[in-house]
Amino acid sequence: MSEVSKNYQTLVALKEREEGQTMAEYGVVLAVITIAVFGALTLLSGNIEDAISRVAGFIS
């Protein structure tokens, strides 16, 4: 019986380890998306500023 218990504990430990890896993967994906969004906003900031100025011109 101790061998079965030992195998069960090993499987439980592996499952917990996998969940930790999943959280780390989500963190990496979130970081990559954040960097991409900031990069896109940096590249498009001039166009966004021009569009806002045009809209403000139409309003006034």
N, C-alpha and C. Protein backbone atom coordinates (compact mmCIF):
# COMPACT_ATOMS: atom_id res chain seq x y z
N MET A 1 0.81 -1.19 0.00
CA MET A 1 0.00 0.00 0.00
C MET A 1 0.86 1.26 0.00
N SER A 2 2.00 1.20 0.59
CA SER A 2 2.84 2.39 0.65
C SER A 2 3.33 2.80 -0.73
N GLU A 3 3.52 1.84 -1.63
CA GLU A 3 3.95 2.16 -3.00
C GLU A 3 2.86 2.93 -3.74
N VAL A 4 1.61 2.54 -3.56
CA VAL A 4 0.48 3.23 -4.18
C VAL A 4 0.38 4.64 -3.62
N SER A 5 0.53 4.77 -2.33
CA SER A 5 0.46 6.08 -1.70
C SER A 5 1.59 6.98 -2.19
N LYS A 6 2.76 6.40 -2.34
CA LYS A 6 3.92 7.15 -2.82
C LYS A 6 3.69 7.64 -4.26
N ASN A 7 3.15 6.77 -5.11
CA ASN A 7 2.85 7.15 -6.49
C ASN A 7 1.79 8.24 -6.55
N TYR A 8 0.78 8.13 -5.69
CA TYR A 8 -0.27 9.14 -5.65
C TYR A 8 0.29 10.50 -5.25
N GLN A 9 1.15 10.51 -4.24
CA GLN A 9 1.76 11.76 -3.80
C GLN A 9 2.63 12.36 -4.91
N THR A 10 3.31 11.53 -5.67
CA THR A 10 4.12 12.01 -6.79
C THR A 10 3.23 12.65 -7.85
N LEU A 11 2.11 12.01 -8.16
CA LEU A 11 1.19 12.57 -9.16
C LEU A 11 0.59 13.89 -8.69
N VAL A 12 0.26 13.98 -7.43
CA VAL A 12 -0.29 15.23 -6.88
C VAL A 12 0.75 16.34 -6.97
N ALA A 13 2.00 16.02 -6.65
CA ALA A 13 3.07 17.02 -6.72
C ALA A 13 3.28 17.49 -8.16
N LEU A 14 3.22 16.58 -9.12
CA LEU A 14 3.38 16.96 -10.52
C LEU A 14 2.23 17.85 -10.99
N LYS A 15 1.02 17.55 -10.54
CA LYS A 15 -0.13 18.38 -10.92
C LYS A 15 0.04 19.80 -10.39
N GLU A 16 0.46 19.94 -9.15
CA GLU A 16 0.66 21.27 -8.58
C GLU A 16 1.77 22.01 -9.31
N ARG A 17 2.80 21.32 -9.68
CA ARG A 17 3.91 21.93 -10.42
C ARG A 17 3.43 22.45 -11.77
N GLU A 18 2.57 21.69 -12.44
CA GLU A 18 2.06 22.11 -13.75
C GLU A 18 1.22 23.37 -13.62
N GLU A 19 0.44 23.49 -12.57
CA GLU A 19 -0.37 24.69 -12.37
C GLU A 19 0.52 25.91 -12.18
N GLY A 20 1.63 25.74 -11.48
CA GLY A 20 2.57 26.84 -11.31
C GLY A 20 3.17 27.28 -12.63
N GLN A 21 3.48 26.33 -13.48
CA GLN A 21 4.02 26.66 -14.80
C GLN A 21 2.97 27.39 -15.62
N THR A 22 1.73 27.01 -15.51
CA THR A 22 0.67 27.67 -16.27
C THR A 22 0.55 29.13 -15.86
N MET A 23 0.62 29.41 -14.58
CA MET A 23 0.55 30.79 -14.11
C MET A 23 1.73 31.60 -14.64
N ALA A 24 2.91 31.00 -14.66
CA ALA A 24 4.09 31.68 -15.19
C ALA A 24 3.91 31.96 -16.68
N GLU A 25 3.35 31.01 -17.40
CA GLU A 25 3.11 31.21 -18.83
C GLU A 25 2.12 32.35 -19.07
N TYR A 26 1.07 32.41 -18.27
CA TYR A 26 0.13 33.52 -18.39
C TYR A 26 0.81 34.85 -18.12
N GLY A 27 1.71 34.87 -17.17
CA GLY A 27 2.45 36.10 -16.87
C GLY A 27 3.32 36.53 -18.04
N VAL A 28 3.97 35.58 -18.69
CA VAL A 28 4.81 35.90 -19.84
C VAL A 28 3.95 36.40 -21.00
N VAL A 29 2.83 35.76 -21.25
CA VAL A 29 1.93 36.20 -22.33
C VAL A 29 1.43 37.61 -22.05
N LEU A 30 1.05 37.89 -20.81
CA LEU A 30 0.58 39.22 -20.45
C LEU A 30 1.67 40.26 -20.65
N ALA A 31 2.90 39.93 -20.30
CA ALA A 31 4.01 40.86 -20.49
C ALA A 31 4.25 41.14 -21.97
N VAL A 32 4.19 40.12 -22.81
CA VAL A 32 4.40 40.31 -24.25
C VAL A 32 3.29 41.17 -24.84
N ILE A 33 2.05 40.92 -24.44
CA ILE A 33 0.93 41.72 -24.95
C ILE A 33 1.07 43.17 -24.50
N THR A 34 1.47 43.40 -23.26
CA THR A 34 1.65 44.75 -22.75
C THR A 34 2.73 45.49 -23.53
N ILE A 35 3.84 44.83 -23.78
CA ILE A 35 4.92 45.44 -24.56
C ILE A 35 4.46 45.76 -25.97
N ALA A 36 3.69 44.86 -26.58
CA ALA A 36 3.19 45.09 -27.94
C ALA A 36 2.24 46.28 -27.98
N VAL A 37 1.37 46.40 -26.98
CA VAL A 37 0.42 47.53 -26.94
C VAL A 37 1.17 48.84 -26.79
N PHE A 38 2.13 48.90 -25.87
CA PHE A 38 2.89 50.13 -25.69
C PHE A 38 3.70 50.47 -26.93
N GLY A 39 4.25 49.45 -27.60
CA GLY A 39 4.98 49.69 -28.84
C GLY A 39 4.08 50.25 -29.92
N ALA A 40 2.88 49.69 -30.06
CA ALA A 40 1.94 50.17 -31.06
C ALA A 40 1.50 51.59 -30.76
N LEU A 41 1.23 51.88 -29.50
CA LEU A 41 0.84 53.25 -29.13
C LEU A 41 1.96 54.24 -29.39
N THR A 42 3.19 53.82 -29.15
CA THR A 42 4.33 54.70 -29.41
C THR A 42 4.45 54.99 -30.90
N LEU A 43 4.30 53.96 -31.71
CA LEU A 43 4.41 54.14 -33.16
C LEU A 43 3.25 54.96 -33.73
N LEU A 44 2.08 54.82 -33.15
CA LEU A 44 0.89 55.48 -33.67
C LEU A 44 0.56 56.79 -32.96
N SER A 45 1.38 57.20 -32.01
CA SER A 45 1.03 58.38 -31.21
C SER A 45 0.87 59.63 -32.06
N GLY A 46 1.69 59.80 -33.08
CA GLY A 46 1.56 60.96 -33.96
C GLY A 46 0.24 60.96 -34.70
N ASN A 47 -0.15 59.81 -35.24
CA ASN A 47 -1.42 59.70 -35.96
C ASN A 47 -2.61 59.90 -35.03
N ILE A 48 -2.52 59.38 -33.84
CA ILE A 48 -3.60 59.55 -32.87
C ILE A 48 -3.74 61.02 -32.49
N GLU A 49 -2.62 61.68 -32.29
CA GLU A 49 -2.64 63.11 -31.94
C GLU A 49 -3.26 63.93 -33.08
N ASP A 50 -2.91 63.62 -34.33
CA ASP A 50 -3.49 64.32 -35.48
C ASP A 50 -4.99 64.10 -35.56
N ALA A 51 -5.43 62.88 -35.33
CA ALA A 51 -6.86 62.57 -35.40
C ALA A 51 -7.63 63.32 -34.32
N ILE A 52 -7.08 63.39 -33.13
CA ILE A 52 -7.75 64.12 -32.05
C ILE A 52 -7.80 65.61 -32.37
N SER A 53 -6.74 66.14 -32.96
CA SER A 53 -6.73 67.55 -33.34
C SER A 53 -7.78 67.84 -34.41
N ARG A 54 -7.93 66.93 -35.38
CA ARG A 54 -8.95 67.12 -36.42
C ARG A 54 -10.36 67.09 -35.83
N VAL A 55 -10.60 66.16 -34.92
CA VAL A 55 -11.92 66.07 -34.29
C VAL A 55 -12.18 67.34 -33.48
N ALA A 56 -11.18 67.81 -32.76
CA ALA A 56 -11.33 69.05 -31.99
C ALA A 56 -11.60 70.23 -32.92
N GLY A 57 -10.99 70.24 -34.10
CA GLY A 57 -11.23 71.30 -35.07
C GLY A 57 -12.65 71.28 -35.59
N PHE A 58 -13.20 70.09 -35.82
CA PHE A 58 -14.59 69.98 -36.28
C PHE A 58 -15.57 70.44 -35.21
N ILE A 59 -15.25 70.15 -33.97
CA ILE A 59 -16.16 70.50 -32.87
C ILE A 59 -16.20 72.00 -32.65
N SER A 60 -15.04 72.66 -32.75
CA SER A 60 -15.01 74.10 -32.44
C SER A 60 -15.40 74.97 -33.59
